[in-house]
Amino acid sequence: MAKGVKFLSSWIEVAPALLISPNKLLIFPVLETITEEEAEECNEDS
């Protein structure tokens, strides 16, 4: 564990501010909900 922390701290020292921006860490993709009707339409087409 300590080895991983040491590696991370050395990476932070050389990384530009844009790469370690806290805003980027909080963004995650939004998944769309598939309704039963849409799923049935897909099954009928194939």
PDB file of N, CA and C in Angstrom:
ATOM      1  N   MET A   1       0.832  -1.204   0.000  1.00  0.00           N
ATOM      2  CA  MET A   1       0.000   0.000   0.000  1.00  0.00           C
ATOM      3  C   MET A   1       0.863   1.249   0.000  1.00  0.00           C
ATOM      4  N   ALA A   2       1.899   1.260   0.831  1.00  0.00           N
ATOM      5  CA  ALA A   2       2.765   2.435   0.911  1.00  0.00           C
ATOM      6  C   ALA A   2       3.450   2.683  -0.424  1.00  0.00           C
ATOM      7  N   LYS A   3       3.783   1.624  -1.135  1.00  0.00           N
ATOM      8  CA  LYS A   3       4.422   1.774  -2.436  1.00  0.00           C
ATOM      9  C   LYS A   3       3.479   2.475  -3.415  1.00  0.00           C
ATOM     10  N   GLY A   4       2.198   2.117  -3.381  1.00  0.00           N
ATOM     11  CA  GLY A   4       1.213   2.757  -4.251  1.00  0.00           C
ATOM     12  C   GLY A   4       1.037   4.224  -3.923  1.00  0.00           C
ATOM     13  N   VAL A   5       1.055   4.570  -2.649  1.00  0.00           N
ATOM     14  CA  VAL A   5       0.911   5.966  -2.234  1.00  0.00           C
ATOM     15  C   VAL A   5       2.123   6.765  -2.681  1.00  0.00           C
ATOM     16  N   LYS A   6       3.305   6.186  -2.567  1.00  0.00           N
ATOM     17  CA  LYS A   6       4.522   6.871  -3.003  1.00  0.00           C
ATOM     18  C   LYS A   6       4.465   7.131  -4.503  1.00  0.00           C
ATOM     19  N   PHE A   7       4.036   6.143  -5.278  1.00  0.00           N
ATOM     20  CA  PHE A   7       3.916   6.299  -6.724  1.00  0.00           C
ATOM     21  C   PHE A   7       2.916   7.398  -7.060  1.00  0.00           C
ATOM     22  N   LEU A   8       1.793   7.429  -6.360  1.00  0.00           N
ATOM     23  CA  LEU A   8       0.767   8.430  -6.609  1.00  0.00           C
ATOM     24  C   LEU A   8       1.286   9.822  -6.297  1.00  0.00           C
ATOM     25  N   SER A   9       1.981   9.981  -5.181  1.00  0.00           N
ATOM     26  CA  SER A   9       2.475  11.309  -4.819  1.00  0.00           C
ATOM     27  C   SER A   9       3.507  11.792  -5.829  1.00  0.00           C
ATOM     28  N   SER A  10       4.352  10.910  -6.350  1.00  0.00           N
ATOM     29  CA  SER A  10       5.329  11.340  -7.346  1.00  0.00           C
ATOM     30  C   SER A  10       4.624  11.694  -8.658  1.00  0.00           C
ATOM     31  N   TRP A  11       3.538  11.025  -8.987  1.00  0.00           N
ATOM     32  CA  TRP A  11       2.777  11.340 -10.191  1.00  0.00           C
ATOM     33  C   TRP A  11       2.122  12.712 -10.060  1.00  0.00           C
ATOM     34  N   ILE A  12       1.595  13.020  -8.894  1.00  0.00           N
ATOM     35  CA  ILE A  12       0.946  14.308  -8.670  1.00  0.00           C
ATOM     36  C   ILE A  12       1.955  15.438  -8.798  1.00  0.00           C
ATOM     37  N   GLU A  13       3.184  15.218  -8.383  1.00  0.00           N
ATOM     38  CA  GLU A  13       4.206  16.259  -8.455  1.00  0.00           C
ATOM     39  C   GLU A  13       4.516  16.641  -9.896  1.00  0.00           C
ATOM     40  N   VAL A  14       4.442  15.706 -10.842  1.00  0.00           N
ATOM     41  CA  VAL A  14       4.811  16.001 -12.222  1.00  0.00           C
ATOM     42  C   VAL A  14       3.607  16.225 -13.131  1.00  0.00           C
ATOM     43  N   ALA A  15       2.415  15.892 -12.679  1.00  0.00           N
ATOM     44  CA  ALA A  15       1.228  16.005 -13.524  1.00  0.00           C
ATOM     45  C   ALA A  15       0.775  17.461 -13.616  1.00  0.00           C
ATOM     46  N   PRO A  16       0.380  17.909 -14.810  1.00  0.00           N
ATOM     47  CA  PRO A  16      -0.193  19.251 -14.931  1.00  0.00           C
ATOM     48  C   PRO A  16      -1.516  19.342 -14.170  1.00  0.00           C
ATOM     49  N   ALA A  17      -1.889  20.531 -13.790  1.00  0.00           N
ATOM     50  CA  ALA A  17      -3.101  20.741 -12.997  1.00  0.00           C
ATOM     51  C   ALA A  17      -4.344  20.221 -13.713  1.00  0.00           C
ATOM     52  N   LEU A  18      -4.382  20.299 -15.040  1.00  0.00           N
ATOM     53  CA  LEU A  18      -5.567  19.848 -15.769  1.00  0.00           C
ATOM     54  C   LEU A  18      -5.790  18.343 -15.629  1.00  0.00           C
ATOM     55  N   LEU A  19      -4.715  17.577 -15.512  1.00  0.00           N
ATOM     56  CA  LEU A  19      -4.860  16.124 -15.403  1.00  0.00           C
ATOM     57  C   LEU A  19      -5.405  15.690 -14.052  1.00  0.00           C
ATOM     58  N   ILE A  20      -5.156  16.455 -13.016  1.00  0.00           N
ATOM     59  CA  ILE A  20      -5.587  16.054 -11.680  1.00  0.00           C
ATOM     60  C   ILE A  20      -6.714  16.938 -11.163  1.00  0.00           C
ATOM     61  N   SER A  21      -7.440  17.539 -12.071  1.00  0.00           N
ATOM     62  CA  SER A  21      -8.545  18.416 -11.689  1.00  0.00           C
ATOM     63  C   SER A  21      -9.627  17.621 -10.965  1.00  0.00           C
ATOM     64  N   PRO A  22     -10.082  18.085  -9.797  1.00  0.00           N
ATOM     65  CA  PRO A  22     -11.134  17.368  -9.068  1.00  0.00           C
ATOM     66  C   PRO A  22     -12.450  17.318  -9.835  1.00  0.00           C
ATOM     67  N   ASN A  23     -12.688  18.280 -10.710  1.00  0.00           N
ATOM     68  CA  ASN A  23     -13.930  18.282 -11.489  1.00  0.00           C
ATOM     69  C   ASN A  23     -14.005  17.062 -12.401  1.00  0.00           C
ATOM     70  N   LYS A  24     -12.910  16.675 -12.994  1.00  0.00           N
ATOM     71  CA  LYS A  24     -12.892  15.526 -13.892  1.00  0.00           C
ATOM     72  C   LYS A  24     -13.123  14.222 -13.131  1.00  0.00           C
ATOM     73  N   LEU A  25     -12.693  14.149 -11.903  1.00  0.00           N
ATOM     74  CA  LEU A  25     -12.847  12.916 -11.139  1.00  0.00           C
ATOM     75  C   LEU A  25     -14.303  12.645 -10.789  1.00  0.00           C
ATOM     76  N   LEU A  26     -15.125  13.673 -10.746  1.00  0.00           N
ATOM     77  CA  LEU A  26     -16.511  13.507 -10.331  1.00  0.00           C
ATOM     78  C   LEU A  26     -17.457  13.230 -11.501  1.00  0.00           C
ATOM     79  N   ILE A  27     -16.984  13.372 -12.723  1.00  0.00           N
ATOM     80  CA  ILE A  27     -17.853  13.187 -13.893  1.00  0.00           C
ATOM     81  C   ILE A  27     -17.928  11.694 -14.232  1.00  0.00           C
ATOM     82  N   PHE A  28     -19.141  11.201 -14.411  1.00  0.00           N
ATOM     83  CA  PHE A  28     -19.333   9.823 -14.823  1.00  0.00           C
ATOM     84  C   PHE A  28     -20.436   9.788 -15.875  1.00  0.00           C
ATOM     85  N   PRO A  29     -20.403   8.821 -16.779  1.00  0.00           N
ATOM     86  CA  PRO A  29     -21.401   8.773 -17.845  1.00  0.00           C
ATOM     87  C   PRO A  29     -22.805   8.513 -17.303  1.00  0.00           C
ATOM     88  N   VAL A  30     -23.778   9.119 -17.949  1.00  0.00           N
ATOM     89  CA  VAL A  30     -25.173   8.918 -17.564  1.00  0.00           C
ATOM     90  C   VAL A  30     -25.745   7.826 -18.457  1.00  0.00           C
ATOM     91  N   LEU A  31     -26.310   6.822 -17.842  1.00  0.00           N
ATOM     92  CA  LEU A  31     -26.882   5.709 -18.597  1.00  0.00           C
ATOM     93  C   LEU A  31     -28.363   5.952 -18.838  1.00  0.00           C
ATOM     94  N   GLU A  32     -28.817   5.589 -20.035  1.00  0.00           N
ATOM     95  CA  GLU A  32     -30.227   5.750 -20.364  1.00  0.00           C
ATOM     96  C   GLU A  32     -31.001   4.515 -19.903  1.00  0.00           C
ATOM     97  N   THR A  33     -32.222   4.740 -19.450  1.00  0.00           N
ATOM     98  CA  THR A  33     -33.082   3.643 -19.033  1.00  0.00           C
ATOM     99  C   THR A  33     -33.787   3.063 -20.254  1.00  0.00           C
ATOM    100  N   ILE A  34     -33.783   1.742 -20.362  1.00  0.00           N
ATOM    101  CA  ILE A  34     -34.486   1.070 -21.457  1.00  0.00           C
ATOM    102  C   ILE A  34     -35.807   0.559 -20.904  1.00  0.00           C
ATOM    103  N   THR A  35     -36.893   1.050 -21.466  1.00  0.00           N
ATOM    104  CA  THR A  35     -38.212   0.616 -21.006  1.00  0.00           C
ATOM    105  C   THR A  35     -38.542  -0.750 -21.591  1.00  0.00           C
ATOM    106  N   GLU A  36     -39.547  -1.406 -21.032  1.00  0.00           N
ATOM    107  CA  GLU A  36     -39.949  -2.721 -21.537  1.00  0.00           C
ATOM    108  C   GLU A  36     -40.429  -2.627 -22.978  1.00  0.00           C
ATOM    109  N   GLU A  37     -41.134  -1.553 -23.324  1.00  0.00           N
ATOM    110  CA  GLU A  37     -41.643  -1.397 -24.683  1.00  0.00           C
ATOM    111  C   GLU A  37     -40.498  -1.310 -25.682  1.00  0.00           C
ATOM    112  N   GLU A  38     -39.453  -0.548 -25.354  1.00  0.00           N
ATOM    113  CA  GLU A  38     -38.304  -0.438 -26.252  1.00  0.00           C
ATOM    114  C   GLU A  38     -37.604  -1.785 -26.396  1.00  0.00           C
ATOM    115  N   ALA A  39     -37.501  -2.532 -25.312  1.00  0.00           N
ATOM    116  CA  ALA A  39     -36.853  -3.840 -25.354  1.00  0.00           C
ATOM    117  C   ALA A  39     -37.660  -4.804 -26.221  1.00  0.00           C
ATOM    118  N   GLU A  40     -38.989  -4.766 -26.118  1.00  0.00           N
ATOM    119  CA  GLU A  40     -39.838  -5.639 -26.929  1.00  0.00           C
ATOM    120  C   GLU A  40     -39.718  -5.287 -28.407  1.00  0.00           C
ATOM    121  N   GLU A  41     -39.638  -3.990 -28.729  1.00  0.00           N
ATOM    122  CA  GLU A  41     -39.483  -3.574 -30.124  1.00  0.00           C
ATOM    123  C   GLU A  41     -38.176  -4.107 -30.693  1.00  0.00           C
ATOM    124  N   CYS A  42     -37.110  -4.073 -29.918  1.00  0.00           N
ATOM    125  CA  CYS A  42     -35.819  -4.588 -30.374  1.00  0.00           C
ATOM    126  C   CYS A  42     -35.890  -6.092 -30.600  1.00  0.00           C
ATOM    127  N   ASN A  43     -36.596  -6.801 -29.734  1.00  0.00           N
ATOM    128  CA  ASN A  43     -36.721  -8.248 -29.879  1.00  0.00           C
ATOM    129  C   ASN A  43     -37.554  -8.614 -31.104  1.00  0.00           C
ATOM    130  N   GLU A  44     -38.566  -7.820 -31.430  1.00  0.00           N
ATOM    131  CA  GLU A  44     -39.410  -8.095 -32.590  1.00  0.00           C
ATOM    132  C   GLU A  44     -38.651  -7.856 -33.888  1.00  0.00           C
ATOM    133  N   ASP A  45     -37.743  -6.881 -33.902  1.00  0.00           N
ATOM    134  CA  ASP A  45     -36.985  -6.558 -35.109  1.00  0.00           C
ATOM    135  C   ASP A  45     -35.976  -7.649 -35.455  1.00  0.00           C
ATOM    136  N   SER A  46     -35.465  -8.347 -34.474  1.00  0.00           N
ATOM    137  CA  SER A  46     -34.419  -9.339 -34.763  1.00  0.00           C
ATOM    138  C   SER A  46     -34.950 -10.735 -34.909  1.00  0.00           C
TER     139      SER A  46
END
